PDB file of N, CA and C in Angstrom:
ATOM      1  N   MET A   1       0.700   9.175 -43.125  1.00  0.00           N
ATOM      2  CA  MET A   1       0.407   9.925 -41.930  1.00  0.00           C
ATOM      3  C   MET A   1       0.018   8.993 -40.779  1.00  0.00           C
ATOM      4  N   ALA A   2      -0.808   7.977 -41.080  1.00  0.00           N
ATOM      5  CA  ALA A   2      -1.232   7.025 -40.055  1.00  0.00           C
ATOM      6  C   ALA A   2      -0.036   6.250 -39.513  1.00  0.00           C
ATOM      7  N   ALA A   3       0.910   5.923 -40.400  1.00  0.00           N
ATOM      8  CA  ALA A   3       2.104   5.197 -39.961  1.00  0.00           C
ATOM      9  C   ALA A   3       2.935   6.052 -39.010  1.00  0.00           C
ATOM     10  N   LEU A   4       3.006   7.338 -39.250  1.00  0.00           N
ATOM     11  CA  LEU A   4       3.757   8.249 -38.386  1.00  0.00           C
ATOM     12  C   LEU A   4       3.107   8.347 -37.005  1.00  0.00           C
ATOM     13  N   ILE A   5       1.792   8.426 -36.967  1.00  0.00           N
ATOM     14  CA  ILE A   5       1.075   8.467 -35.685  1.00  0.00           C
ATOM     15  C   ILE A   5       1.267   7.160 -34.929  1.00  0.00           C
ATOM     16  N   LEU A   6       1.151   6.046 -35.630  1.00  0.00           N
ATOM     17  CA  LEU A   6       1.346   4.745 -35.007  1.00  0.00           C
ATOM     18  C   LEU A   6       2.762   4.607 -34.463  1.00  0.00           C
ATOM     19  N   LEU A   7       3.748   5.031 -35.226  1.00  0.00           N
ATOM     20  CA  LEU A   7       5.137   4.976 -34.779  1.00  0.00           C
ATOM     21  C   LEU A   7       5.338   5.843 -33.538  1.00  0.00           C
ATOM     22  N   GLY A   8       4.716   7.013 -33.514  1.00  0.00           N
ATOM     23  CA  GLY A   8       4.808   7.893 -32.347  1.00  0.00           C
ATOM     24  C   GLY A   8       4.204   7.261 -31.105  1.00  0.00           C
ATOM     25  N   LEU A   9       3.048   6.621 -31.253  1.00  0.00           N
ATOM     26  CA  LEU A   9       2.405   5.950 -30.123  1.00  0.00           C
ATOM     27  C   LEU A   9       3.247   4.793 -29.605  1.00  0.00           C
ATOM     28  N   VAL A  10       3.775   4.003 -30.506  1.00  0.00           N
ATOM     29  CA  VAL A  10       4.633   2.885 -30.100  1.00  0.00           C
ATOM     30  C   VAL A  10       5.864   3.412 -29.367  1.00  0.00           C
ATOM     31  N   GLY A  11       6.435   4.492 -29.863  1.00  0.00           N
ATOM     32  CA  GLY A  11       7.595   5.096 -29.205  1.00  0.00           C
ATOM     33  C   GLY A  11       7.273   5.586 -27.807  1.00  0.00           C
ATOM     34  N   LEU A  12       6.131   6.232 -27.631  1.00  0.00           N
ATOM     35  CA  LEU A  12       5.725   6.704 -26.305  1.00  0.00           C
ATOM     36  C   LEU A  12       5.480   5.551 -25.343  1.00  0.00           C
ATOM     37  N   ILE A  13       4.837   4.507 -25.821  1.00  0.00           N
ATOM     38  CA  ILE A  13       4.593   3.335 -24.974  1.00  0.00           C
ATOM     39  C   ILE A  13       5.909   2.695 -24.561  1.00  0.00           C
ATOM     40  N   PHE A  14       6.830   2.544 -25.496  1.00  0.00           N
ATOM     41  CA  PHE A  14       8.135   1.959 -25.184  1.00  0.00           C
ATOM     42  C   PHE A  14       8.894   2.834 -24.195  1.00  0.00           C
ATOM     43  N   PHE A  15       8.868   4.144 -24.376  1.00  0.00           N
ATOM     44  CA  PHE A  15       9.554   5.063 -23.467  1.00  0.00           C
ATOM     45  C   PHE A  15       8.977   4.956 -22.057  1.00  0.00           C
ATOM     46  N   ASP A  16       7.646   4.944 -21.949  1.00  0.00           N
ATOM     47  CA  ASP A  16       7.002   4.827 -20.637  1.00  0.00           C
ATOM     48  C   ASP A  16       7.351   3.498 -19.981  1.00  0.00           C
ATOM     49  N   TRP A  17       7.336   2.436 -20.745  1.00  0.00           N
ATOM     50  CA  TRP A  17       7.666   1.109 -20.208  1.00  0.00           C
ATOM     51  C   TRP A  17       9.098   1.079 -19.692  1.00  0.00           C
ATOM     52  N   GLN A  18      10.032   1.632 -20.448  1.00  0.00           N
ATOM     53  CA  GLN A  18      11.440   1.634 -20.050  1.00  0.00           C
ATOM     54  C   GLN A  18      11.677   2.464 -18.797  1.00  0.00           C
ATOM     55  N   THR A  19      11.087   3.639 -18.720  1.00  0.00           N
ATOM     56  CA  THR A  19      11.352   4.505 -17.571  1.00  0.00           C
ATOM     57  C   THR A  19      10.682   3.990 -16.308  1.00  0.00           C
ATOM     58  N   ASN A  20       9.484   3.437 -16.400  1.00  0.00           N
ATOM     59  CA  ASN A  20       8.800   2.936 -15.208  1.00  0.00           C
ATOM     60  C   ASN A  20       9.279   1.559 -14.796  1.00  0.00           C
ATOM     61  N   GLN A  21       9.684   0.749 -15.736  1.00  0.00           N
ATOM     62  CA  GLN A  21      10.096  -0.621 -15.440  1.00  0.00           C
ATOM     63  C   GLN A  21      11.344  -0.654 -14.567  1.00  0.00           C
ATOM     64  N   ASN A  22      12.213   0.296 -14.713  1.00  0.00           N
ATOM     65  CA  ASN A  22      13.483   0.270 -14.005  1.00  0.00           C
ATOM     66  C   ASN A  22      13.451   0.981 -12.661  1.00  0.00           C
ATOM     67  N   ARG A  23      12.339   1.605 -12.301  1.00  0.00           N
ATOM     68  CA  ARG A  23      12.241   2.261 -11.003  1.00  0.00           C
ATOM     69  C   ARG A  23      11.932   1.220  -9.939  1.00  0.00           C
ATOM     70  N   PRO A  24      12.661   1.211  -8.834  1.00  0.00           N
ATOM     71  CA  PRO A  24      12.403   0.225  -7.780  1.00  0.00           C
ATOM     72  C   PRO A  24      11.059   0.483  -7.104  1.00  0.00           C
ATOM     73  N   PRO A  25      10.540  -0.526  -6.410  1.00  0.00           N
ATOM     74  CA  PRO A  25       9.275  -0.332  -5.705  1.00  0.00           C
ATOM     75  C   PRO A  25       9.397   0.775  -4.654  1.00  0.00           C
ATOM     76  N   ALA A  26       8.351   1.534  -4.513  1.00  0.00           N
ATOM     77  CA  ALA A  26       8.213   2.540  -3.459  1.00  0.00           C
ATOM     78  C   ALA A  26       6.743   2.516  -3.060  1.00  0.00           C
ATOM     79  N   PHE A  27       6.454   2.851  -1.818  1.00  0.00           N
ATOM     80  CA  PHE A  27       5.101   2.616  -1.328  1.00  0.00           C
ATOM     81  C   PHE A  27       4.491   3.851  -0.684  1.00  0.00           C
ATOM     82  N   ALA A  28       3.202   3.990  -0.871  1.00  0.00           N
ATOM     83  CA  ALA A  28       2.400   5.006  -0.191  1.00  0.00           C
ATOM     84  C   ALA A  28       1.251   4.275   0.493  1.00  0.00           C
ATOM     85  N   VAL A  29       1.118   4.486   1.802  1.00  0.00           N
ATOM     86  CA  VAL A  29       0.049   3.852   2.566  1.00  0.00           C
ATOM     87  C   VAL A  29      -0.904   4.940   3.046  1.00  0.00           C
ATOM     88  N   ALA A  30      -2.184   4.762   2.765  1.00  0.00           N
ATOM     89  CA  ALA A  30      -3.210   5.711   3.201  1.00  0.00           C
ATOM     90  C   ALA A  30      -4.177   4.991   4.133  1.00  0.00           C
ATOM     91  N   VAL A  31      -4.416   5.592   5.290  1.00  0.00           N
ATOM     92  CA  VAL A  31      -5.344   5.032   6.270  1.00  0.00           C
ATOM     93  C   VAL A  31      -6.636   5.835   6.211  1.00  0.00           C
ATOM     94  N   SER A  32      -7.755   5.131   6.136  1.00  0.00           N
ATOM     95  CA  SER A  32      -9.060   5.786   6.063  1.00  0.00           C
ATOM     96  C   SER A  32      -9.479   6.272   7.443  1.00  0.00           C
ATOM     97  N   GLU A  33     -10.137   7.405   7.479  1.00  0.00           N
ATOM     98  CA  GLU A  33     -10.672   7.934   8.736  1.00  0.00           C
ATOM     99  C   GLU A  33     -11.942   7.200   9.153  1.00  0.00           C
ATOM    100  N   ALA A  34     -12.547   6.470   8.239  1.00  0.00           N
ATOM    101  CA  ALA A  34     -13.821   5.793   8.502  1.00  0.00           C
ATOM    102  C   ALA A  34     -13.574   4.461   9.205  1.00  0.00           C
ATOM    103  N   VAL A  35     -13.485   4.508  10.532  1.00  0.00           N
ATOM    104  CA  VAL A  35     -13.288   3.300  11.325  1.00  0.00           C
ATOM    105  C   VAL A  35     -14.653   2.659  11.554  1.00  0.00           C
ATOM    106  N   ARG A  36     -14.719   1.357  11.325  1.00  0.00           N
ATOM    107  CA  ARG A  36     -15.974   0.609  11.504  1.00  0.00           C
ATOM    108  C   ARG A  36     -15.874  -0.189  12.794  1.00  0.00           C
ATOM    109  N   VAL A  37     -16.940  -0.166  13.598  1.00  0.00           N
ATOM    110  CA  VAL A  37     -16.978  -0.918  14.851  1.00  0.00           C
ATOM    111  C   VAL A  37     -17.998  -2.040  14.702  1.00  0.00           C
ATOM    112  N   THR A  38     -17.539  -3.276  14.913  1.00  0.00           N
ATOM    113  CA  THR A  38     -18.404  -4.449  14.846  1.00  0.00           C
ATOM    114  C   THR A  38     -18.019  -5.395  15.970  1.00  0.00           C
ATOM    115  N   ASP A  39     -18.996  -5.758  16.800  1.00  0.00           N
ATOM    116  CA  ASP A  39     -18.779  -6.693  17.911  1.00  0.00           C
ATOM    117  C   ASP A  39     -17.607  -6.272  18.794  1.00  0.00           C
ATOM    118  N   GLY A  40     -17.494  -4.982  19.068  1.00  0.00           N
ATOM    119  CA  GLY A  40     -16.447  -4.490  19.962  1.00  0.00           C
ATOM    120  C   GLY A  40     -15.062  -4.431  19.350  1.00  0.00           C
ATOM    121  N   ARG A  41     -14.958  -4.646  18.071  1.00  0.00           N
ATOM    122  CA  ARG A  41     -13.670  -4.569  17.363  1.00  0.00           C
ATOM    123  C   ARG A  41     -13.684  -3.360  16.437  1.00  0.00           C
ATOM    124  N   TYR A  42     -12.520  -2.745  16.294  1.00  0.00           N
ATOM    125  CA  TYR A  42     -12.372  -1.553  15.457  1.00  0.00           C
ATOM    126  C   TYR A  42     -11.633  -1.938  14.179  1.00  0.00           C
ATOM    127  N   TYR A  43     -12.282  -1.748  13.051  1.00  0.00           N
ATOM    128  CA  TYR A  43     -11.723  -2.095  11.747  1.00  0.00           C
ATOM    129  C   TYR A  43     -11.225  -0.817  11.075  1.00  0.00           C
ATOM    130  N   VAL A  44      -9.926  -0.779  10.803  1.00  0.00           N
ATOM    131  CA  VAL A  44      -9.295   0.402  10.212  1.00  0.00           C
ATOM    132  C   VAL A  44      -8.881   0.068   8.780  1.00  0.00           C
ATOM    133  N   PRO A  45      -9.597   0.594   7.783  1.00  0.00           N
ATOM    134  CA  PRO A  45      -9.240   0.323   6.386  1.00  0.00           C
ATOM    135  C   PRO A  45      -7.980   1.084   5.967  1.00  0.00           C
ATOM    136  N   PHE A  46      -7.218   0.461   5.092  1.00  0.00           N
ATOM    137  CA  PHE A  46      -6.037   1.116   4.536  1.00  0.00           C
ATOM    138  C   PHE A  46      -5.911   0.732   3.069  1.00  0.00           C
ATOM    139  N   ALA A  47      -5.144   1.531   2.347  1.00  0.00           N
ATOM    140  CA  ALA A  47      -4.817   1.230   0.949  1.00  0.00           C
ATOM    141  C   ALA A  47      -3.326   1.435   0.771  1.00  0.00           C
ATOM    142  N   ILE A  48      -2.692   0.534   0.049  1.00  0.00           N
ATOM    143  CA  ILE A  48      -1.265   0.640  -0.235  1.00  0.00           C
ATOM    144  C   ILE A  48      -1.084   0.696  -1.746  1.00  0.00           C
ATOM    145  N   THR A  49      -0.229   1.610  -2.192  1.00  0.00           N
ATOM    146  CA  THR A  49       0.064   1.779  -3.610  1.00  0.00           C
ATOM    147  C   THR A  49       1.559   1.634  -3.832  1.00  0.00           C
ATOM    148  N   ASN A  50       1.921   0.841  -4.824  1.00  0.00           N
ATOM    149  CA  ASN A  50       3.314   0.755  -5.255  1.00  0.00           C
ATOM    150  C   ASN A  50       3.530   1.895  -6.246  1.00  0.00           C
ATOM    151  N   THR A  51       4.180   2.953  -5.801  1.00  0.00           N
ATOM    152  CA  THR A  51       4.399   4.120  -6.658  1.00  0.00           C
ATOM    153  C   THR A  51       5.615   3.953  -7.551  1.00  0.00           C
ATOM    154  N   GLY A  52       6.343   2.861  -7.388  1.00  0.00           N
ATOM    155  CA  GLY A  52       7.495   2.574  -8.239  1.00  0.00           C
ATOM    156  C   GLY A  52       7.071   1.836  -9.496  1.00  0.00           C
ATOM    157  N   GLY A  53       8.046   1.441 -10.290  1.00  0.00           N
ATOM    158  CA  GLY A  53       7.755   0.778 -11.548  1.00  0.00           C
ATOM    159  C   GLY A  53       7.882  -0.728 -11.499  1.00  0.00           C
ATOM    160  N   ARG A  54       8.702  -1.245 -10.575  1.00  0.00           N
ATOM    161  CA  ARG A  54       8.935  -2.689 -10.527  1.00  0.00           C
ATOM    162  C   ARG A  54       7.959  -3.381  -9.591  1.00  0.00           C
ATOM    163  N   ILE A  55       7.811  -4.667  -9.787  1.00  0.00           N
ATOM    164  CA  ILE A  55       6.921  -5.494  -8.982  1.00  0.00           C
ATOM    165  C   ILE A  55       7.542  -5.728  -7.609  1.00  0.00           C
ATOM    166  N   ALA A  56       6.695  -5.754  -6.584  1.00  0.00           N
ATOM    167  CA  ALA A  56       7.124  -6.108  -5.233  1.00  0.00           C
ATOM    168  C   ALA A  56       6.327  -7.330  -4.792  1.00  0.00           C
ATOM    169  N   ARG A  57       6.998  -8.229  -4.093  1.00  0.00           N
ATOM    170  CA  ARG A  57       6.346  -9.435  -3.580  1.00  0.00           C
ATOM    171  C   ARG A  57       6.442  -9.438  -2.069  1.00  0.00           C
ATOM    172  N   MET A  58       5.497 -10.117  -1.442  1.00  0.00           N
ATOM    173  CA  MET A  58       5.487 -10.298   0.005  1.00  0.00           C
ATOM    174  C   MET A  58       5.686  -8.965   0.736  1.00  0.00           C
ATOM    175  N   VAL A  59       4.882  -7.976   0.389  1.00  0.00           N
ATOM    176  CA  VAL A  59       4.957  -6.659   1.018  1.00  0.00           C
ATOM    177  C   VAL A  59       4.307  -6.756   2.399  1.00  0.00           C
ATOM    178  N   GLN A  60       5.080  -6.475   3.431  1.00  0.00           N
ATOM    179  CA  GLN A  60       4.579  -6.562   4.800  1.00  0.00           C
ATOM    180  C   GLN A  60       4.219  -5.167   5.299  1.00  0.00           C
ATOM    181  N   VAL A  61       2.946  -4.988   5.643  1.00  0.00           N
ATOM    182  CA  VAL A  61       2.445  -3.723   6.172  1.00  0.00           C
ATOM    183  C   VAL A  61       2.145  -3.938   7.652  1.00  0.00           C
ATOM    184  N   THR A  62       2.664  -3.050   8.509  1.00  0.00           N
ATOM    185  CA  THR A  62       2.432  -3.170   9.942  1.00  0.00           C
ATOM    186  C   THR A  62       1.672  -1.958  10.457  1.00  0.00           C
ATOM    187  N   ALA A  63       0.909  -2.182  11.513  1.00  0.00           N
ATOM    188  CA  ALA A  63       0.186  -1.102  12.189  1.00  0.00           C
ATOM    189  C   ALA A  63       0.476  -1.215  13.677  1.00  0.00           C
ATOM    190  N   GLU A  64       0.809  -0.094  14.292  1.00  0.00           N
ATOM    191  CA  GLU A  64       1.074  -0.045  15.728  1.00  0.00           C
ATOM    192  C   GLU A  64       0.167   1.009  16.337  1.00  0.00           C
ATOM    193  N   LEU A  65      -0.633   0.589  17.311  1.00  0.00           N
ATOM    194  CA  LEU A  65      -1.553   1.488  18.002  1.00  0.00           C
ATOM    195  C   LEU A  65      -1.053   1.680  19.416  1.00  0.00           C
ATOM    196  N   ASP A  66      -0.736   2.920  19.770  1.00  0.00           N
ATOM    197  CA  ASP A  66      -0.227   3.254  21.101  1.00  0.00           C
ATOM    198  C   ASP A  66      -1.235   4.171  21.783  1.00  0.00           C
ATOM    199  N   ILE A  67      -1.813   3.667  22.882  1.00  0.00           N
ATOM    200  CA  ILE A  67      -2.748   4.448  23.684  1.00  0.00           C
ATOM    201  C   ILE A  67      -2.156   4.540  25.083  1.00  0.00           C
ATOM    202  N   ALA A  68      -2.046   5.755  25.610  1.00  0.00           N
ATOM    203  CA  ALA A  68      -1.459   5.957  26.934  1.00  0.00           C
ATOM    204  C   ALA A  68      -2.206   5.130  27.981  1.00  0.00           C
ATOM    205  N   GLY A  69      -1.447   4.387  28.782  1.00  0.00           N
ATOM    206  CA  GLY A  69      -2.027   3.585  29.844  1.00  0.00           C
ATOM    207  C   GLY A  69      -2.567   2.240  29.404  1.00  0.00           C
ATOM    208  N   VAL A  70      -2.464   1.927  28.122  1.00  0.00           N
ATOM    209  CA  VAL A  70      -2.970   0.657  27.584  1.00  0.00           C
ATOM    210  C   VAL A  70      -1.826  -0.028  26.838  1.00  0.00           C
ATOM    211  N   ASP A  71      -1.808  -1.342  26.882  1.00  0.00           N
ATOM    212  CA  ASP A  71      -0.789  -2.073  26.125  1.00  0.00           C
ATOM    213  C   ASP A  71      -0.881  -1.727  24.646  1.00  0.00           C
ATOM    214  N   GLU A  72       0.275  -1.648  24.007  1.00  0.00           N
ATOM    215  CA  GLU A  72       0.318  -1.358  22.574  1.00  0.00           C
ATOM    216  C   GLU A  72      -0.258  -2.535  21.796  1.00  0.00           C
ATOM    217  N   GLU A  73      -1.051  -2.223  20.777  1.00  0.00           N
ATOM    218  CA  GLU A  73      -1.579  -3.254  19.880  1.00  0.00           C
ATOM    219  C   GLU A  73      -0.857  -3.163  18.550  1.00  0.00           C
ATOM    220  N   THR A  74      -0.613  -4.312  17.949  1.00  0.00           N
ATOM    221  CA  THR A  74       0.025  -4.332  16.635  1.00  0.00           C
ATOM    222  C   THR A  74      -0.773  -5.228  15.700  1.00  0.00           C
ATOM    223  N   GLY A  75      -0.622  -4.962  14.418  1.00  0.00           N
ATOM    224  CA  GLY A  75      -1.242  -5.790  13.393  1.00  0.00           C
ATOM    225  C   GLY A  75      -0.316  -5.892  12.204  1.00  0.00           C
ATOM    226  N   GLU A  76      -0.447  -6.970  11.460  1.00  0.00           N
ATOM    227  CA  GLU A  76       0.379  -7.179  10.266  1.00  0.00           C
ATOM    228  C   GLU A  76      -0.500  -7.663   9.120  1.00  0.00           C
ATOM    229  N   GLN A  77      -0.176  -7.194   7.940  1.00  0.00           N
ATOM    230  CA  GLN A  77      -0.803  -7.664   6.710  1.00  0.00           C
ATOM    231  C   GLN A  77       0.315  -7.994   5.732  1.00  0.00           C
ATOM    232  N   GLN A  78       0.112  -9.014   4.938  1.00  0.00           N
ATOM    233  CA  GLN A  78       1.083  -9.334   3.897  1.00  0.00           C
ATOM    234  C   GLN A  78       0.379  -9.322   2.545  1.00  0.00           C
ATOM    235  N   ILE A  79       0.877  -8.475   1.653  1.00  0.00           N
ATOM    236  CA  ILE A  79       0.365  -8.392   0.290  1.00  0.00           C
ATOM    237  C   ILE A  79       1.288  -9.256  -0.564  1.00  0.00           C
ATOM    238  N   ASP A  80       0.749 -10.317  -1.153  1.00  0.00           N
ATOM    239  CA  ASP A  80       1.582 -11.275  -1.884  1.00  0.00           C
ATOM    240  C   ASP A  80       2.259 -10.675  -3.112  1.00  0.00           C
ATOM    241  N   PHE A  81       1.552  -9.797  -3.833  1.00  0.00           N
ATOM    242  CA  PHE A  81       2.041  -9.332  -5.127  1.00  0.00           C
ATOM    243  C   PHE A  81       1.503  -7.933  -5.365  1.00  0.00           C
ATOM    244  N   LEU A  82       2.388  -6.984  -5.674  1.00  0.00           N
ATOM    245  CA  LEU A  82       1.966  -5.608  -5.930  1.00  0.00           C
ATOM    246  C   LEU A  82       2.754  -5.070  -7.117  1.00  0.00           C
ATOM    247  N   SER A  83       2.075  -4.943  -8.249  1.00  0.00           N
ATOM    248  CA  SER A  83       2.711  -4.423  -9.465  1.00  0.00           C
ATOM    249  C   SER A  83       2.988  -2.934  -9.321  1.00  0.00           C
ATOM    250  N   GLY A  84       3.794  -2.407 -10.231  1.00  0.00           N
ATOM    251  CA  GLY A  84       4.038  -0.976 -10.263  1.00  0.00           C
ATOM    252  C   GLY A  84       2.740  -0.217 -10.485  1.00  0.00           C
ATOM    253  N   HIS A  85       2.512   0.796  -9.687  1.00  0.00           N
ATOM    254  CA  HIS A  85       1.333   1.668  -9.749  1.00  0.00           C
ATOM    255  C   HIS A  85       0.030   0.945  -9.400  1.00  0.00           C
ATOM    256  N   GLU A  86       0.122  -0.215  -8.784  1.00  0.00           N
ATOM    257  CA  GLU A  86      -1.073  -0.952  -8.369  1.00  0.00           C
ATOM    258  C   GLU A  86      -1.423  -0.594  -6.927  1.00  0.00           C
ATOM    259  N   THR A  87      -2.724  -0.588  -6.618  1.00  0.00           N
ATOM    260  CA  THR A  87      -3.215  -0.314  -5.268  1.00  0.00           C
ATOM    261  C   THR A  87      -4.025  -1.502  -4.777  1.00  0.00           C
ATOM    262  N   LYS A  88      -3.797  -1.886  -3.530  1.00  0.00           N
ATOM    263  CA  LYS A  88      -4.599  -2.924  -2.881  1.00  0.00           C
ATOM    264  C   LYS A  88      -5.061  -2.393  -1.532  1.00  0.00           C
ATOM    265  N   ALA A  89      -6.160  -2.953  -1.039  1.00  0.00           N
ATOM    266  CA  ALA A  89      -6.751  -2.477   0.205  1.00  0.00           C
ATOM    267  C   ALA A  89      -6.891  -3.616   1.204  1.00  0.00           C
ATOM    268  N   GLY A  90      -6.978  -3.252   2.469  1.00  0.00           N
ATOM    269  CA  GLY A  90      -7.169  -4.212   3.544  1.00  0.00           C
ATOM    270  C   GLY A  90      -7.634  -3.476   4.782  1.00  0.00           C
ATOM    271  N   SER A  91      -7.699  -4.192   5.903  1.00  0.00           N
ATOM    272  CA  SER A  91      -8.093  -3.580   7.173  1.00  0.00           C
ATOM    273  C   SER A  91      -7.277  -4.176   8.301  1.00  0.00           C
ATOM    274  N   PHE A  92      -6.998  -3.342   9.292  1.00  0.00           N
ATOM    275  CA  PHE A  92      -6.419  -3.799  10.546  1.00  0.00           C
ATOM    276  C   PHE A  92      -7.541  -3.839  11.571  1.00  0.00           C
ATOM    277  N   VAL A  93      -7.468  -4.801  12.489  1.00  0.00           N
ATOM    278  CA  VAL A  93      -8.513  -4.971  13.491  1.00  0.00           C
ATOM    279  C   VAL A  93      -7.890  -4.783  14.872  1.00  0.00           C
ATOM    280  N   PHE A  94      -8.494  -3.883  15.659  1.00  0.00           N
ATOM    281  CA  PHE A  94      -7.993  -3.580  17.000  1.00  0.00           C
ATOM    282  C   PHE A  94      -9.106  -3.765  18.024  1.00  0.00           C
ATOM    283  N   THR A  95      -8.713  -3.990  19.281  1.00  0.00           N
ATOM    284  CA  THR A  95      -9.682  -4.089  20.371  1.00  0.00           C
ATOM    285  C   THR A  95      -9.926  -2.734  21.025  1.00  0.00           C
ATOM    286  N   HIS A  96      -9.044  -1.760  20.785  1.00  0.00           N
ATOM    287  CA  HIS A  96      -9.204  -0.407  21.321  1.00  0.00           C
ATOM    288  C   HIS A  96      -9.450   0.575  20.179  1.00  0.00           C
ATOM    289  N   ASP A  97     -10.083   1.691  20.521  1.00  0.00           N
ATOM    290  CA  ASP A  97     -10.417   2.710  19.525  1.00  0.00           C
ATOM    291  C   ASP A  97      -9.147   3.400  19.026  1.00  0.00           C
ATOM    292  N   PRO A  98      -8.799   3.251  17.762  1.00  0.00           N
ATOM    293  CA  PRO A  98      -7.571   3.863  17.244  1.00  0.00           C
ATOM    294  C   PRO A  98      -7.648   5.386  17.148  1.00  0.00           C
ATOM    295  N   GLN A  99      -8.842   5.946  17.246  1.00  0.00           N
ATOM    296  CA  GLN A  99      -8.977   7.394  17.138  1.00  0.00           C
ATOM    297  C   GLN A  99      -8.571   8.115  18.418  1.00  0.00           C
ATOM    298  N   VAL A 100      -8.431   7.382  19.525  1.00  0.00           N
ATOM    299  CA  VAL A 100      -7.999   8.014  20.779  1.00  0.00           C
ATOM    300  C   VAL A 100      -6.521   7.757  21.060  1.00  0.00           C
ATOM    301  N   GLY A 101      -5.847   7.087  20.150  1.00  0.00           N
ATOM    302  CA  GLY A 101      -4.427   6.792  20.326  1.00  0.00           C
ATOM    303  C   GLY A 101      -3.611   7.255  19.145  1.00  0.00           C
ATOM    304  N   ASP A 102      -2.373   6.827  19.145  1.00  0.00           N
ATOM    305  CA  ASP A 102      -1.442   7.158  18.065  1.00  0.00           C
ATOM    306  C   ASP A 102      -1.273   5.917  17.188  1.00  0.00           C
ATOM    307  N   LEU A 103      -1.770   5.984  15.954  1.00  0.00           N
ATOM    308  CA  LEU A 103      -1.714   4.854  15.028  1.00  0.00           C
ATOM    309  C   LEU A 103      -0.671   5.123  13.955  1.00  0.00           C
ATOM    310  N   VAL A 104       0.273   4.193  13.822  1.00  0.00           N
ATOM    311  CA  VAL A 104       1.316   4.298  12.799  1.00  0.00           C
ATOM    312  C   VAL A 104       1.201   3.081  11.891  1.00  0.00           C
ATOM    313  N   VAL A 105       0.974   3.327  10.604  1.00  0.00           N
ATOM    314  CA  VAL A 105       0.898   2.258   9.606  1.00  0.00           C
ATOM    315  C   VAL A 105       2.028   2.481   8.621  1.00  0.00           C
ATOM    316  N   ARG A 106       2.819   1.432   8.372  1.00  0.00           N
ATOM    317  CA  ARG A 106       3.979   1.579   7.491  1.00  0.00           C
ATOM    318  C   ARG A 106       4.300   0.254   6.811  1.00  0.00           C
ATOM    319  N   VAL A 107       5.109   0.352   5.764  1.00  0.00           N
ATOM    320  CA  VAL A 107       5.633  -0.842   5.095  1.00  0.00           C
ATOM    321  C   VAL A 107       6.908  -1.242   5.824  1.00  0.00           C
ATOM    322  N   ALA A 108       6.961  -2.493   6.272  1.00  0.00           N
ATOM    323  CA  ALA A 108       8.117  -2.977   7.013  1.00  0.00           C
ATOM    324  C   ALA A 108       9.137  -3.659   6.109  1.00  0.00           C
ATOM    325  N   SER A 109       8.672  -4.354   5.060  1.00  0.00           N
ATOM    326  CA  SER A 109       9.612  -5.054   4.186  1.00  0.00           C
ATOM    327  C   SER A 109       8.906  -5.497   2.910  1.00  0.00           C
ATOM    328  N   TYR A 110       9.714  -5.905   1.934  1.00  0.00           N
ATOM    329  CA  TYR A 110       9.201  -6.469   0.686  1.00  0.00           C
ATOM    330  C   TYR A 110      10.327  -7.258   0.031  1.00  0.00           C
ATOM    331  N   ARG A 111       9.956  -8.052  -0.985  1.00  0.00           N
ATOM    332  CA  ARG A 111      10.940  -8.808  -1.768  1.00  0.00           C
ATOM    333  C   ARG A 111      10.768  -8.480  -3.236  1.00  0.00           C
ATOM    334  N   LEU A 112      11.859  -8.543  -3.953  1.00  0.00           N
ATOM    335  CA  LEU A 112      11.800  -8.423  -5.408  1.00  0.00           C
ATOM    336  C   LEU A 112      11.581  -9.811  -5.992  1.00  0.00           C
ATOM    337  N   PRO A 113      10.874  -9.909  -7.128  1.00  0.00           N
ATOM    338  CA  PRO A 113      10.641 -11.233  -7.717  1.00  0.00           C
ATOM    339  C   PRO A 113      11.915 -11.839  -8.274  1.00  0.00           C
TER     340      PRO A 113
END
């Protein structure tokens, strides 16, 4: 009976590994509403998750802040390595309040290993 349970577990692990391993990287970026202000700078935390199964390298995340009447601000972050289903966090830093403008955060590019 124990051998049957063990065989079932090994089979499930192998099935999960096979189905997730072959899915290409896909990304979900979440921006926190909790903006921190320090020394006149606005820190906007974000989290990025690789919802795919394969590893992604050099994931470039960009942020564009557009405020009417003010020059657009941009920021870039590069995540060196993001495994399947892994989440990493960071922050973008702006000189203007992102809550009064239109902030777009997205993944611009990535590489496969």
